[in-house]
N, C-alpha and C. Protein backbone atom coordinates (compact mmCIF):
# COMPACT_ATOMS: atom_id res chain seq x y z
N UNK A 1 89.54 108.35 84.10
CA UNK A 1 90.38 109.42 84.54
C UNK A 1 91.50 109.62 83.53
N UNK A 2 91.87 110.87 83.36
CA UNK A 2 92.94 111.17 82.44
C UNK A 2 93.98 112.04 83.13
N UNK A 3 95.24 111.80 82.84
CA UNK A 3 96.28 112.64 83.44
C UNK A 3 96.31 114.01 82.77
N UNK A 4 96.62 115.03 83.54
CA UNK A 4 96.77 116.37 82.97
C UNK A 4 98.19 116.53 82.46
N UNK A 5 98.50 117.69 81.89
CA UNK A 5 99.84 117.90 81.37
C UNK A 5 100.87 118.02 82.50
N UNK A 6 100.42 118.23 83.74
CA UNK A 6 101.33 118.33 84.88
C UNK A 6 101.53 117.01 85.60
N UNK A 7 101.00 115.92 85.05
CA UNK A 7 101.09 114.61 85.70
C UNK A 7 102.54 114.13 85.74
N UNK A 8 102.94 113.56 86.87
CA UNK A 8 104.28 113.00 87.01
C UNK A 8 104.19 111.60 87.59
N UNK A 9 104.92 110.69 86.96
CA UNK A 9 105.01 109.34 87.51
C UNK A 9 105.80 109.38 88.80
N UNK A 10 105.48 108.47 89.71
CA UNK A 10 106.24 108.37 90.94
C UNK A 10 107.63 107.81 90.63
N UNK A 11 108.53 108.00 91.55
CA UNK A 11 109.90 107.52 91.36
C UNK A 11 109.92 106.00 91.18
N UNK A 12 109.08 105.30 91.93
CA UNK A 12 109.01 103.84 91.81
C UNK A 12 108.57 103.42 90.41
N UNK A 13 107.55 104.09 89.88
CA UNK A 13 107.06 103.74 88.55
C UNK A 13 108.08 104.06 87.47
N UNK A 14 108.81 105.16 87.62
CA UNK A 14 109.87 105.49 86.66
C UNK A 14 110.97 104.44 86.69
N UNK A 15 111.30 103.97 87.89
CA UNK A 15 112.34 102.94 88.02
C UNK A 15 111.89 101.65 87.35
N UNK A 16 110.64 101.24 87.58
CA UNK A 16 110.12 100.04 86.93
C UNK A 16 110.15 100.17 85.42
N UNK A 17 109.79 101.33 84.92
CA UNK A 17 109.77 101.56 83.49
C UNK A 17 111.18 101.46 82.89
N UNK A 18 112.16 101.94 83.64
CA UNK A 18 113.54 101.93 83.14
C UNK A 18 114.19 100.56 83.24
N UNK A 19 113.90 99.81 84.29
CA UNK A 19 114.65 98.58 84.55
C UNK A 19 114.04 97.32 83.94
N UNK A 20 112.72 97.30 83.74
CA UNK A 20 112.11 96.09 83.20
C UNK A 20 112.37 95.99 81.70
N UNK A 21 112.70 94.79 81.23
CA UNK A 21 112.95 94.63 79.79
C UNK A 21 111.62 94.67 79.01
N UNK A 22 111.61 95.39 77.90
CA UNK A 22 110.43 95.50 77.05
C UNK A 22 110.80 95.02 75.66
N UNK A 23 109.89 94.27 75.03
CA UNK A 23 110.17 93.70 73.71
C UNK A 23 110.35 94.80 72.66
N UNK A 24 109.48 95.81 72.69
CA UNK A 24 109.60 96.91 71.73
C UNK A 24 108.94 98.16 72.32
N UNK A 25 108.91 99.24 71.57
CA UNK A 25 108.38 100.50 72.07
C UNK A 25 106.87 100.43 72.32
N UNK A 26 106.14 99.60 71.57
CA UNK A 26 104.70 99.48 71.78
C UNK A 26 104.40 98.85 73.14
N UNK A 27 105.15 97.83 73.50
CA UNK A 27 104.96 97.18 74.80
C UNK A 27 105.34 98.14 75.92
N UNK A 28 106.41 98.90 75.73
CA UNK A 28 106.84 99.89 76.71
C UNK A 28 105.76 100.96 76.90
N UNK A 29 105.17 101.44 75.81
CA UNK A 29 104.11 102.44 75.88
C UNK A 29 102.88 101.91 76.59
N UNK A 30 102.52 100.65 76.29
CA UNK A 30 101.38 100.04 76.97
C UNK A 30 101.63 99.93 78.46
N UNK A 31 102.84 99.52 78.84
CA UNK A 31 103.19 99.40 80.25
C UNK A 31 103.13 100.76 80.93
N UNK A 32 103.64 101.79 80.26
CA UNK A 32 103.64 103.13 80.84
C UNK A 32 102.21 103.63 81.04
N UNK A 33 101.33 103.42 80.05
CA UNK A 33 99.93 103.83 80.19
C UNK A 33 99.25 103.08 81.34
N UNK A 34 99.58 101.79 81.48
CA UNK A 34 99.01 101.00 82.56
C UNK A 34 99.45 101.56 83.92
N UNK A 35 100.72 101.92 84.04
CA UNK A 35 101.22 102.45 85.31
C UNK A 35 100.60 103.82 85.62
N UNK A 36 100.38 104.63 84.60
CA UNK A 36 99.75 105.93 84.80
C UNK A 36 98.32 105.74 85.31
N UNK A 37 97.55 104.85 84.68
CA UNK A 37 96.19 104.60 85.12
C UNK A 37 96.14 104.04 86.54
N UNK A 38 97.07 103.14 86.85
CA UNK A 38 97.12 102.58 88.20
C UNK A 38 97.42 103.65 89.24
N UNK A 39 98.34 104.54 88.91
CA UNK A 39 98.69 105.62 89.84
C UNK A 39 97.51 106.57 90.02
N UNK A 40 96.80 106.89 88.95
CA UNK A 40 95.64 107.77 89.07
C UNK A 40 94.54 107.15 89.92
N UNK A 41 94.27 105.87 89.71
CA UNK A 41 93.23 105.20 90.50
C UNK A 41 93.66 105.01 91.94
N UNK A 42 94.95 104.89 92.20
CA UNK A 42 95.44 104.75 93.56
C UNK A 42 95.32 106.03 94.36
N UNK A 43 95.27 107.18 93.68
CA UNK A 43 95.18 108.47 94.36
C UNK A 43 93.75 108.86 94.73
N UNK A 44 92.76 108.10 94.25
CA UNK A 44 91.36 108.41 94.52
C UNK A 44 91.04 108.06 95.96
N UNK A 45 90.45 109.00 96.67
CA UNK A 45 90.04 108.78 98.06
C UNK A 45 88.54 108.57 98.11
N UNK A 46 88.12 107.46 98.71
CA UNK A 46 86.70 107.14 98.82
C UNK A 46 86.21 107.57 100.19
N UNK A 47 85.18 108.42 100.19
CA UNK A 47 84.63 108.91 101.45
C UNK A 47 83.66 107.88 102.01
N UNK A 48 83.73 107.68 103.31
CA UNK A 48 82.81 106.75 103.98
C UNK A 48 81.45 107.41 104.14
N UNK A 49 80.41 106.58 104.09
CA UNK A 49 79.06 107.10 104.31
C UNK A 49 78.91 107.47 105.77
N UNK A 50 78.19 108.55 106.06
CA UNK A 50 77.97 108.88 107.47
C UNK A 50 77.13 107.81 108.13
N UNK A 51 77.43 107.53 109.37
CA UNK A 51 76.71 106.48 110.10
C UNK A 51 75.31 106.95 110.45
N UNK A 52 74.37 106.02 110.46
CA UNK A 52 72.98 106.32 110.85
C UNK A 52 72.93 106.48 112.36
N UNK A 53 72.14 107.43 112.82
CA UNK A 53 72.07 107.68 114.26
C UNK A 53 70.70 107.27 114.81
N UNK A 54 70.60 107.26 116.09
CA UNK A 54 69.36 106.93 116.78
C UNK A 54 68.56 108.21 117.00
N UNK A 55 67.24 108.10 116.84
CA UNK A 55 66.36 109.24 117.10
C UNK A 55 65.46 108.85 118.27
N UNK A 56 65.56 109.53 119.34
CA UNK A 56 64.79 109.33 120.58
C UNK A 56 64.80 107.86 121.01
N UNK A 57 65.92 107.23 120.97
CA UNK A 57 66.08 105.89 121.51
C UNK A 57 65.67 104.76 120.58
N UNK A 58 65.11 105.06 119.41
CA UNK A 58 64.73 103.98 118.48
C UNK A 58 65.60 104.08 117.22
N UNK A 59 66.09 102.96 116.74
CA UNK A 59 66.94 103.02 115.56
C UNK A 59 66.13 103.35 114.30
N UNK A 60 66.77 104.03 113.37
CA UNK A 60 66.15 104.34 112.09
C UNK A 60 66.18 103.07 111.24
N UNK A 61 65.03 102.72 110.67
CA UNK A 61 64.95 101.51 109.85
C UNK A 61 65.46 101.84 108.45
N UNK A 62 66.40 101.02 107.99
CA UNK A 62 66.97 101.25 106.66
C UNK A 62 66.28 100.35 105.66
N UNK A 63 66.00 100.87 104.49
CA UNK A 63 65.40 100.08 103.42
C UNK A 63 66.50 99.22 102.80
N UNK A 64 66.20 97.94 102.62
CA UNK A 64 67.20 97.02 102.06
C UNK A 64 66.86 96.68 100.65
């Protein structure tokens, strides 16, 4: 997943980025990219599979 140009970090992530000490700009950039990826993956919604139903009183056999 990639952020679009309209992507915004959450307030919590901005605060972490500002308050945590970073050795240099490369470490800060790596941390920021990590937080962006984590936020993008956290926004993904996983849909549940529909439940199998009974047909005329007998259960449908699922292949395992």
